[in-house]
C-alpha atoms as a PDB file:
ATOM      1  CA  UNK A   1     -12.596  11.174  21.115  1.00  0.00           C
ATOM      2  CA  UNK A   2     -10.918   8.905  18.576  1.00  0.00           C
ATOM      3  CA  UNK A   3     -12.921   6.442  16.529  1.00  0.00           C
ATOM      4  CA  UNK A   4     -13.037   2.929  17.923  1.00  0.00           C
ATOM      5  CA  UNK A   5     -11.019   0.336  16.050  1.00  0.00           C
ATOM      6  CA  UNK A   6     -12.872  -2.817  14.917  1.00  0.00           C
ATOM      7  CA  UNK A   7     -11.833  -5.753  17.055  1.00  0.00           C
ATOM      8  CA  UNK A   8     -12.327  -9.504  17.106  1.00  0.00           C
ATOM      9  CA  UNK A   9     -15.701 -10.587  18.391  1.00  0.00           C
ATOM     10  CA  UNK A  10     -16.116 -12.089  21.849  1.00  0.00           C
ATOM     11  CA  UNK A  11     -16.605 -15.518  20.288  1.00  0.00           C
ATOM     12  CA  UNK A  12     -13.211 -15.259  18.646  1.00  0.00           C
ATOM     13  CA  UNK A  13     -14.421 -14.848  15.056  1.00  0.00           C
ATOM     14  CA  UNK A  14     -12.967 -11.921  13.094  1.00  0.00           C
ATOM     15  CA  UNK A  15     -15.035  -8.773  12.966  1.00  0.00           C
ATOM     16  CA  UNK A  16     -16.050  -8.092   9.345  1.00  0.00           C
ATOM     17  CA  UNK A  17     -14.880  -4.479   9.641  1.00  0.00           C
ATOM     18  CA  UNK A  18     -11.295  -5.381  10.566  1.00  0.00           C
ATOM     19  CA  UNK A  19     -10.240  -6.315   7.043  1.00  0.00           C
ATOM     20  CA  UNK A  20     -11.990  -3.269   5.586  1.00  0.00           C
ATOM     21  CA  UNK A  21     -10.064  -1.038   7.997  1.00  0.00           C
ATOM     22  CA  UNK A  22      -6.778  -2.605   6.888  1.00  0.00           C
ATOM     23  CA  UNK A  23      -7.562  -1.999   3.208  1.00  0.00           C
ATOM     24  CA  UNK A  24      -8.576   1.593   3.924  1.00  0.00           C
ATOM     25  CA  UNK A  25      -5.416   2.241   5.913  1.00  0.00           C
ATOM     26  CA  UNK A  26      -3.263   0.770   3.115  1.00  0.00           C
ATOM     27  CA  UNK A  27      -4.813   3.143   0.605  1.00  0.00           C
ATOM     28  CA  UNK A  28      -4.677   6.221   2.844  1.00  0.00           C
ATOM     29  CA  UNK A  29      -1.055   5.790   3.884  1.00  0.00           C
ATOM     30  CA  UNK A  30       0.224   5.103   0.382  1.00  0.00           C
ATOM     31  CA  UNK A  31      -1.806   8.035  -0.934  1.00  0.00           C
ATOM     32  CA  UNK A  32      -0.062  10.320   1.549  1.00  0.00           C
ATOM     33  CA  UNK A  33       3.351   8.942   0.656  1.00  0.00           C
ATOM     34  CA  UNK A  34       2.742   9.555  -3.042  1.00  0.00           C
ATOM     35  CA  UNK A  35       1.423  13.026  -2.258  1.00  0.00           C
ATOM     36  CA  UNK A  36       4.800  13.851  -0.752  1.00  0.00           C
ATOM     37  CA  UNK A  37       6.180  13.900  -4.304  1.00  0.00           C
ATOM     38  CA  UNK A  38       4.232  17.088  -5.079  1.00  0.00           C
ATOM     39  CA  UNK A  39       6.793  19.641  -6.176  1.00  0.00           C
ATOM     40  CA  UNK A  40       9.595  17.063  -6.047  1.00  0.00           C
ATOM     41  CA  UNK A  41       8.952  14.596  -8.887  1.00  0.00           C
ATOM     42  CA  UNK A  42      11.709  14.271 -11.512  1.00  0.00           C
ATOM     43  CA  UNK A  43       9.544  15.601 -14.348  1.00  0.00           C
ATOM     44  CA  UNK A  44       6.173  17.358 -14.511  1.00  0.00           C
ATOM     45  CA  UNK A  45       4.453  14.450 -16.250  1.00  0.00           C
ATOM     46  CA  UNK A  46       5.425  12.128 -13.402  1.00  0.00           C
ATOM     47  CA  UNK A  47       4.264  14.615 -10.802  1.00  0.00           C
ATOM     48  CA  UNK A  48       0.824  14.555 -12.410  1.00  0.00           C
ATOM     49  CA  UNK A  49       0.855  10.759 -12.697  1.00  0.00           C
ATOM     50  CA  UNK A  50       1.818  10.230  -9.052  1.00  0.00           C
ATOM     51  CA  UNK A  51      -0.756  12.782  -7.929  1.00  0.00           C
ATOM     52  CA  UNK A  52      -3.477  10.981  -9.885  1.00  0.00           C
ATOM     53  CA  UNK A  53      -2.532   7.638  -8.337  1.00  0.00           C
ATOM     54  CA  UNK A  54      -2.555   9.269  -4.897  1.00  0.00           C
ATOM     55  CA  UNK A  55      -6.036  10.664  -5.527  1.00  0.00           C
ATOM     56  CA  UNK A  56      -7.323   7.279  -6.689  1.00  0.00           C
ATOM     57  CA  UNK A  57      -6.048   5.698  -3.473  1.00  0.00           C
ATOM     58  CA  UNK A  58      -7.491   8.486  -1.358  1.00  0.00           C
ATOM     59  CA  UNK A  59     -10.871   7.908  -2.988  1.00  0.00           C
ATOM     60  CA  UNK A  60     -10.641   4.210  -2.169  1.00  0.00           C
ATOM     61  CA  UNK A  61      -9.741   4.984   1.443  1.00  0.00           C
ATOM     62  CA  UNK A  62     -12.658   7.385   1.848  1.00  0.00           C
ATOM     63  CA  UNK A  63     -15.162   4.901   0.425  1.00  0.00           C
ATOM     64  CA  UNK A  64     -13.932   2.171   2.761  1.00  0.00           C
ATOM     65  CA  UNK A  65     -13.837   4.417   5.832  1.00  0.00           C
ATOM     66  CA  UNK A  66     -17.375   5.589   5.062  1.00  0.00           C
ATOM     67  CA  UNK A  67     -18.546   2.014   5.602  1.00  0.00           C
ATOM     68  CA  UNK A  68     -16.943   1.999   9.067  1.00  0.00           C
ATOM     69  CA  UNK A  69     -17.751   5.390  10.556  1.00  0.00           C
ATOM     70  CA  UNK A  70     -16.594   8.988  10.355  1.00  0.00           C
ATOM     71  CA  UNK A  71     -13.784   9.123   7.810  1.00  0.00           C
ATOM     72  CA  UNK A  72     -12.092  12.185   9.336  1.00  0.00           C
ATOM     73  CA  UNK A  73     -11.985  10.585  12.768  1.00  0.00           C
ATOM     74  CA  UNK A  74     -10.616   7.362  11.354  1.00  0.00           C
ATOM     75  CA  UNK A  75      -7.913   9.126   9.351  1.00  0.00           C
ATOM     76  CA  UNK A  76      -6.895  11.927  11.684  1.00  0.00           C
ATOM     77  CA  UNK A  77      -7.751  10.995  15.274  1.00  0.00           C
ATOM     78  CA  UNK A  78      -6.422   7.475  15.678  1.00  0.00           C
ATOM     79  CA  UNK A  79      -3.044   6.833  17.260  1.00  0.00           C
ATOM     80  CA  UNK A  80      -0.236   4.988  15.477  1.00  0.00           C
ATOM     81  CA  UNK A  81      -0.978   1.594  17.037  1.00  0.00           C
ATOM     82  CA  UNK A  82      -4.604   1.768  15.834  1.00  0.00           C
ATOM     83  CA  UNK A  83      -3.609   1.786  12.151  1.00  0.00           C
ATOM     84  CA  UNK A  84      -3.694  -1.586  10.394  1.00  0.00           C
ATOM     85  CA  UNK A  85      -1.879  -0.807   7.136  1.00  0.00           C
ATOM     86  CA  UNK A  86       0.854  -3.138   5.969  1.00  0.00           C
ATOM     87  CA  UNK A  87       4.389  -1.896   6.562  1.00  0.00           C
ATOM     88  CA  UNK A  88       5.194  -1.805   2.841  1.00  0.00           C
ATOM     89  CA  UNK A  89       3.021   1.246   2.112  1.00  0.00           C
ATOM     90  CA  UNK A  90       4.485   3.314   4.939  1.00  0.00           C
ATOM     91  CA  UNK A  91       8.076   3.030   3.745  1.00  0.00           C
ATOM     92  CA  UNK A  92       9.631   6.425   2.883  1.00  0.00           C
ATOM     93  CA  UNK A  93       9.669   7.435  -0.771  1.00  0.00           C
ATOM     94  CA  UNK A  94      13.440   7.361  -1.075  1.00  0.00           C
ATOM     95  CA  UNK A  95      14.478   8.063  -4.633  1.00  0.00           C
ATOM     96  CA  UNK A  96      12.195   7.546  -7.632  1.00  0.00           C
ATOM     97  CA  UNK A  97      13.255   3.890  -7.915  1.00  0.00           C
ATOM     98  CA  UNK A  98      12.132   3.130  -4.347  1.00  0.00           C
ATOM     99  CA  UNK A  99       8.734   4.713  -4.967  1.00  0.00           C
ATOM    100  CA  UNK A 100       8.295   2.649  -8.125  1.00  0.00           C
ATOM    101  CA  UNK A 101       9.344  -0.646  -6.560  1.00  0.00           C
ATOM    102  CA  UNK A 102       6.946  -0.046  -3.676  1.00  0.00           C
ATOM    103  CA  UNK A 103       4.160   0.724  -6.168  1.00  0.00           C
ATOM    104  CA  UNK A 104       4.920  -2.325  -8.301  1.00  0.00           C
ATOM    105  CA  UNK A 105       4.760  -4.670  -5.327  1.00  0.00           C
ATOM    106  CA  UNK A 106       1.639  -3.110  -3.829  1.00  0.00           C
ATOM    107  CA  UNK A 107      -0.400  -2.481  -6.988  1.00  0.00           C
ATOM    108  CA  UNK A 108       0.192  -5.990  -8.314  1.00  0.00           C
ATOM    109  CA  UNK A 109      -1.077  -7.377  -5.002  1.00  0.00           C
ATOM    110  CA  UNK A 110      -3.974  -4.926  -4.709  1.00  0.00           C
ATOM    111  CA  UNK A 111      -5.227  -5.682  -8.224  1.00  0.00           C
ATOM    112  CA  UNK A 112      -5.220  -9.422  -7.567  1.00  0.00           C
ATOM    113  CA  UNK A 113      -6.804  -8.945  -4.151  1.00  0.00           C
ATOM    114  CA  UNK A 114      -9.728  -6.870  -5.390  1.00  0.00           C
ATOM    115  CA  UNK A 115     -10.281  -9.348  -8.203  1.00  0.00           C
ATOM    116  CA  UNK A 116     -11.014 -11.895  -5.446  1.00  0.00           C
ATOM    117  CA  UNK A 117     -13.229  -9.412  -3.569  1.00  0.00           C
ATOM    118  CA  UNK A 118     -15.513  -8.351  -6.419  1.00  0.00           C
ATOM    119  CA  UNK A 119     -18.537  -9.894  -4.718  1.00  0.00           C
ATOM    120  CA  UNK A 120     -17.821  -8.715  -1.172  1.00  0.00           C
ATOM    121  CA  UNK A 121     -16.368  -5.198  -1.473  1.00  0.00           C
ATOM    122  CA  UNK A 122     -18.607  -2.689  -3.314  1.00  0.00           C
ATOM    123  CA  UNK A 123     -15.762  -0.539  -4.645  1.00  0.00           C
ATOM    124  CA  UNK A 124     -13.736  -3.496  -5.930  1.00  0.00           C
ATOM    125  CA  UNK A 125     -14.973  -3.306  -9.546  1.00  0.00           C
ATOM    126  CA  UNK A 126     -14.056   0.353  -9.945  1.00  0.00           C
ATOM    127  CA  UNK A 127     -10.852  -0.061  -7.960  1.00  0.00           C
ATOM    128  CA  UNK A 128      -9.540  -2.874 -10.147  1.00  0.00           C
ATOM    129  CA  UNK A 129      -9.711  -0.607 -13.196  1.00  0.00           C
ATOM    130  CA  UNK A 130      -7.830   2.175 -11.399  1.00  0.00           C
ATOM    131  CA  UNK A 131      -5.239  -0.175  -9.974  1.00  0.00           C
ATOM    132  CA  UNK A 132      -4.510  -1.670 -13.395  1.00  0.00           C
ATOM    133  CA  UNK A 133      -3.227   1.777 -14.391  1.00  0.00           C
ATOM    134  CA  UNK A 134      -1.184   2.065 -11.184  1.00  0.00           C
ATOM    135  CA  UNK A 135       0.434  -1.294 -11.847  1.00  0.00           C
ATOM    136  CA  UNK A 136       1.065  -0.529 -15.517  1.00  0.00           C
ATOM    137  CA  UNK A 137       2.733   2.750 -14.602  1.00  0.00           C
ATOM    138  CA  UNK A 138       5.010   1.033 -12.101  1.00  0.00           C
ATOM    139  CA  UNK A 139       5.852  -1.768 -14.524  1.00  0.00           C
ATOM    140  CA  UNK A 140       6.732   0.713 -17.275  1.00  0.00           C
ATOM    141  CA  UNK A 141       9.196   2.585 -15.092  1.00  0.00           C
ATOM    142  CA  UNK A 142      10.647  -0.571 -13.553  1.00  0.00           C
ATOM    143  CA  UNK A 143      11.491  -1.830 -17.030  1.00  0.00           C
ATOM    144  CA  UNK A 144      12.797   1.553 -18.129  1.00  0.00           C
ATOM    145  CA  UNK A 145      15.073   2.017 -15.134  1.00  0.00           C
ATOM    146  CA  UNK A 146      16.090  -1.605 -14.654  1.00  0.00           C
ATOM    147  CA  UNK A 147      17.123  -2.006 -18.283  1.00  0.00           C
ATOM    148  CA  UNK A 148      18.434   1.548 -18.563  1.00  0.00           C
ATOM    149  CA  UNK A 149      21.745   3.076 -17.580  1.00  0.00           C
ATOM    150  CA  UNK A 150      24.208   1.530 -15.152  1.00  0.00           C
ATOM    151  CA  UNK A 151      23.096   4.010 -12.485  1.00  0.00           C
ATOM    152  CA  UNK A 152      19.349   3.536 -13.004  1.00  0.00           C
ATOM    153  CA  UNK A 153      19.796  -0.245 -12.945  1.00  0.00           C
ATOM    154  CA  UNK A 154      21.745  -0.084  -9.681  1.00  0.00           C
ATOM    155  CA  UNK A 155      19.143   2.175  -8.059  1.00  0.00           C
ATOM    156  CA  UNK A 156      16.255  -0.018  -9.158  1.00  0.00           C
ATOM    157  CA  UNK A 157      17.987  -3.152  -7.909  1.00  0.00           C
ATOM    158  CA  UNK A 158      18.708  -1.530  -4.557  1.00  0.00           C
ATOM    159  CA  UNK A 159      15.050  -0.503  -4.272  1.00  0.00           C
ATOM    160  CA  UNK A 160      13.808  -4.025  -5.016  1.00  0.00           C
ATOM    161  CA  UNK A 161      16.264  -5.555  -2.561  1.00  0.00           C
ATOM    162  CA  UNK A 162      15.374  -3.068   0.171  1.00  0.00           C
ATOM    163  CA  UNK A 163      11.600  -3.463  -0.044  1.00  0.00           C
ATOM    164  CA  UNK A 164      11.276  -7.170  -0.776  1.00  0.00           C
ATOM    165  CA  UNK A 165      11.205  -8.189   2.887  1.00  0.00           C
ATOM    166  CA  UNK A 166       8.042  -6.129   3.463  1.00  0.00           C
ATOM    167  CA  UNK A 167       6.025  -8.011   0.847  1.00  0.00           C
ATOM    168  CA  UNK A 168       5.468 -11.129   2.948  1.00  0.00           C
ATOM    169  CA  UNK A 169       2.862  -9.306   5.011  1.00  0.00           C
ATOM    170  CA  UNK A 170       0.660  -8.921   1.942  1.00  0.00           C
ATOM    171  CA  UNK A 171      -0.187 -12.602   2.141  1.00  0.00           C
ATOM    172  CA  UNK A 172      -1.344 -12.742   5.732  1.00  0.00           C
ATOM    173  CA  UNK A 173      -5.084 -13.352   6.263  1.00  0.00           C
ATOM    174  CA  UNK A 174      -7.353 -10.300   6.193  1.00  0.00           C
ATOM    175  CA  UNK A 175      -9.954 -10.583   8.927  1.00  0.00           C
ATOM    176  CA  UNK A 176     -13.478 -10.877   7.627  1.00  0.00           C
ATOM    177  CA  UNK A 177     -12.494 -11.841   4.063  1.00  0.00           C
ATOM    178  CA  UNK A 178     -12.352 -15.335   2.582  1.00  0.00           C
ATOM    179  CA  UNK A 179      -9.267 -15.206   0.380  1.00  0.00           C
ATOM    180  CA  UNK A 180      -7.340 -17.825  -1.557  1.00  0.00           C
ATOM    181  CA  UNK A 181      -3.979 -16.707  -0.189  1.00  0.00           C
ATOM    182  CA  UNK A 182      -1.999 -19.462  -1.905  1.00  0.00           C
ATOM    183  CA  UNK A 183      -3.318 -18.431  -5.322  1.00  0.00           C
ATOM    184  CA  UNK A 184      -2.792 -14.762  -4.499  1.00  0.00           C
ATOM    185  CA  UNK A 185       0.811 -15.326  -3.506  1.00  0.00           C
ATOM    186  CA  UNK A 186       1.588 -17.601  -6.444  1.00  0.00           C
ATOM    187  CA  UNK A 187       0.140 -15.236  -9.053  1.00  0.00           C
ATOM    188  CA  UNK A 188       1.741 -12.178  -7.438  1.00  0.00           C
ATOM    189  CA  UNK A 189       5.136 -13.884  -7.380  1.00  0.00           C
ATOM    190  CA  UNK A 190       4.829 -14.961 -11.001  1.00  0.00           C
ATOM    191  CA  UNK A 191       3.871 -11.495 -12.215  1.00  0.00           C
ATOM    192  CA  UNK A 192       6.362  -9.520 -10.158  1.00  0.00           C
ATOM    193  CA  UNK A 193       9.317 -11.792 -10.832  1.00  0.00           C
ATOM    194  CA  UNK A 194       8.404 -11.735 -14.522  1.00  0.00           C
ATOM    195  CA  UNK A 195       8.615  -7.927 -14.568  1.00  0.00           C
ATOM    196  CA  UNK A 196      11.910  -7.982 -12.680  1.00  0.00           C
ATOM    197  CA  UNK A 197      13.381 -10.521 -15.098  1.00  0.00           C
ATOM    198  CA  UNK A 198      12.347  -8.397 -18.094  1.00  0.00           C
ATOM    199  CA  UNK A 199      13.948  -5.409 -16.393  1.00  0.00           C
ATOM    200  CA  UNK A 200      17.236  -7.369 -16.064  1.00  0.00           C
ATOM    201  CA  UNK A 201      16.908  -7.186 -12.290  1.00  0.00           C
ATOM    202  CA  UNK A 202      17.821  -9.969  -9.902  1.00  0.00           C
ATOM    203  CA  UNK A 203      14.907 -11.390  -7.950  1.00  0.00           C
ATOM    204  CA  UNK A 204      15.628 -11.388  -4.194  1.00  0.00           C
ATOM    205  CA  UNK A 205      15.567 -14.609  -2.229  1.00  0.00           C
ATOM    206  CA  UNK A 206      12.331 -16.511  -2.518  1.00  0.00           C
ATOM    207  CA  UNK A 207      10.046 -17.212   0.444  1.00  0.00           C
ATOM    208  CA  UNK A 208      11.098 -20.849   0.387  1.00  0.00           C
ATOM    209  CA  UNK A 209      14.730 -19.911   1.025  1.00  0.00           C
ATOM    210  CA  UNK A 210      13.890 -17.683   3.949  1.00  0.00           C
ATOM    211  CA  UNK A 211      14.212 -14.278   2.325  1.00  0.00           C
ATOM    212  CA  UNK A 212      10.569 -13.278   2.719  1.00  0.00           C
ATOM    213  CA  UNK A 213       9.565 -12.011   6.127  1.00  0.00           C
ATOM    214  CA  UNK A 214       6.206 -10.652   7.194  1.00  0.00           C
ATOM    215  CA  UNK A 215       5.823  -7.357   9.012  1.00  0.00           C
ATOM    216  CA  UNK A 216       3.377  -6.638  11.807  1.00  0.00           C
ATOM    217  CA  UNK A 217       1.554  -3.582  10.478  1.00  0.00           C
ATOM    218  CA  UNK A 218      -1.716  -5.515  10.462  1.00  0.00           C
ATOM    219  CA  UNK A 219      -1.281  -5.890  14.234  1.00  0.00           C
ATOM    220  CA  UNK A 220      -0.600  -2.175  14.713  1.00  0.00           C
ATOM    221  CA  UNK A 221       3.195  -2.384  14.868  1.00  0.00           C
ATOM    222  CA  UNK A 222       4.842   0.033  12.464  1.00  0.00           C
ATOM    223  CA  UNK A 223       8.275   1.136  11.356  1.00  0.00           C
ATOM    224  CA  UNK A 224       9.940   4.238  12.773  1.00  0.00           C
ATOM    225  CA  UNK A 225       9.183   6.446   9.781  1.00  0.00           C
ATOM    226  CA  UNK A 226       5.440   5.868  10.096  1.00  0.00           C
ATOM    227  CA  UNK A 227       5.095   7.871  13.303  1.00  0.00           C
ATOM    228  CA  UNK A 228       6.690  10.929  11.698  1.00  0.00           C
ATOM    229  CA  UNK A 229       4.504  10.600   8.615  1.00  0.00           C
ATOM    230  CA  UNK A 230       1.361  10.239  10.711  1.00  0.00           C
ATOM    231  CA  UNK A 231       2.181  13.318  12.788  1.00  0.00           C
ATOM    232  CA  UNK A 232       2.534  15.363   9.613  1.00  0.00           C
ATOM    233  CA  UNK A 233      -0.655  13.965   8.086  1.00  0.00           C
ATOM    234  CA  UNK A 234      -2.750  14.594  11.209  1.00  0.00           C
ATOM    235  CA  UNK A 235      -1.237  17.912  12.316  1.00  0.00           C
ATOM    236  CA  UNK A 236      -3.757  20.320  10.788  1.00  0.00           C
ATOM    237  CA  UNK A 237      -6.843  18.430  11.902  1.00  0.00           C
ATOM    238  CA  UNK A 238      -5.553  18.000  15.450  1.00  0.00           C
ATOM    239  CA  UNK A 239      -4.415  21.633  15.660  1.00  0.00           C
ATOM    240  CA  UNK A 240      -7.846  22.952  14.653  1.00  0.00           C
ATOM    241  CA  UNK A 241     -10.441  20.446  15.918  1.00  0.00           C
ATOM    242  CA  UNK A 242     -13.848  20.900  14.403  1.00  0.00           C
ATOM    243  CA  UNK A 243     -12.626  23.332  11.772  1.00  0.00           C
ATOM    244  CA  UNK A 244     -14.354  23.270   8.367  1.00  0.00           C
ATOM    245  CA  UNK A 245     -13.453  24.773   5.019  1.00  0.00           C
END
């Protein structure tokens, strides 16, 4: 039987576990996406770097799931609609530029988010230190590719343009957490657009001009590629229920 998903209380107030589940799902899904680079990264050093980031995120997911119930059940026995990750993290890897743009957007947000949650999420202090490396890695490569060759610049710009619309969801409320969303959005925008400007990349349309739309991953609605990814991630556990190493 699959693990129950935290819901809103009968009185209408958000269940404290709902936001924790969303954060755990973000980390798990992005970890799996980064793990897909194993054996396919452009150079060995980057394969190791991406694997390390994936492992950091997996550790975060496990710690958060452990506060909610059985981590294996939560990761491997829930259906697609029960996952609460944002749509940004489930986007396919694409080329190296797409992976980096996705990481830049997410890590910048995640670092700022956990800085606000230091008092309410036990793993936040350790996570912030890990995420600072994730963000720095993404920034380094964004600058290198954006201000590199004509081809690398074009690929990086296409990646930024393609993923920008998924970032609006990052600034929706997280149930159970008291967040300053305006400050989070303003600081995220300042930092990300600053990196893009230094990388000689054009910043996509701003939220004020209508170019920023929010996805519905937090409500359990996901993009087409997520179902295929989830089937692959859960296949072994579902094929051999109760198996142990």
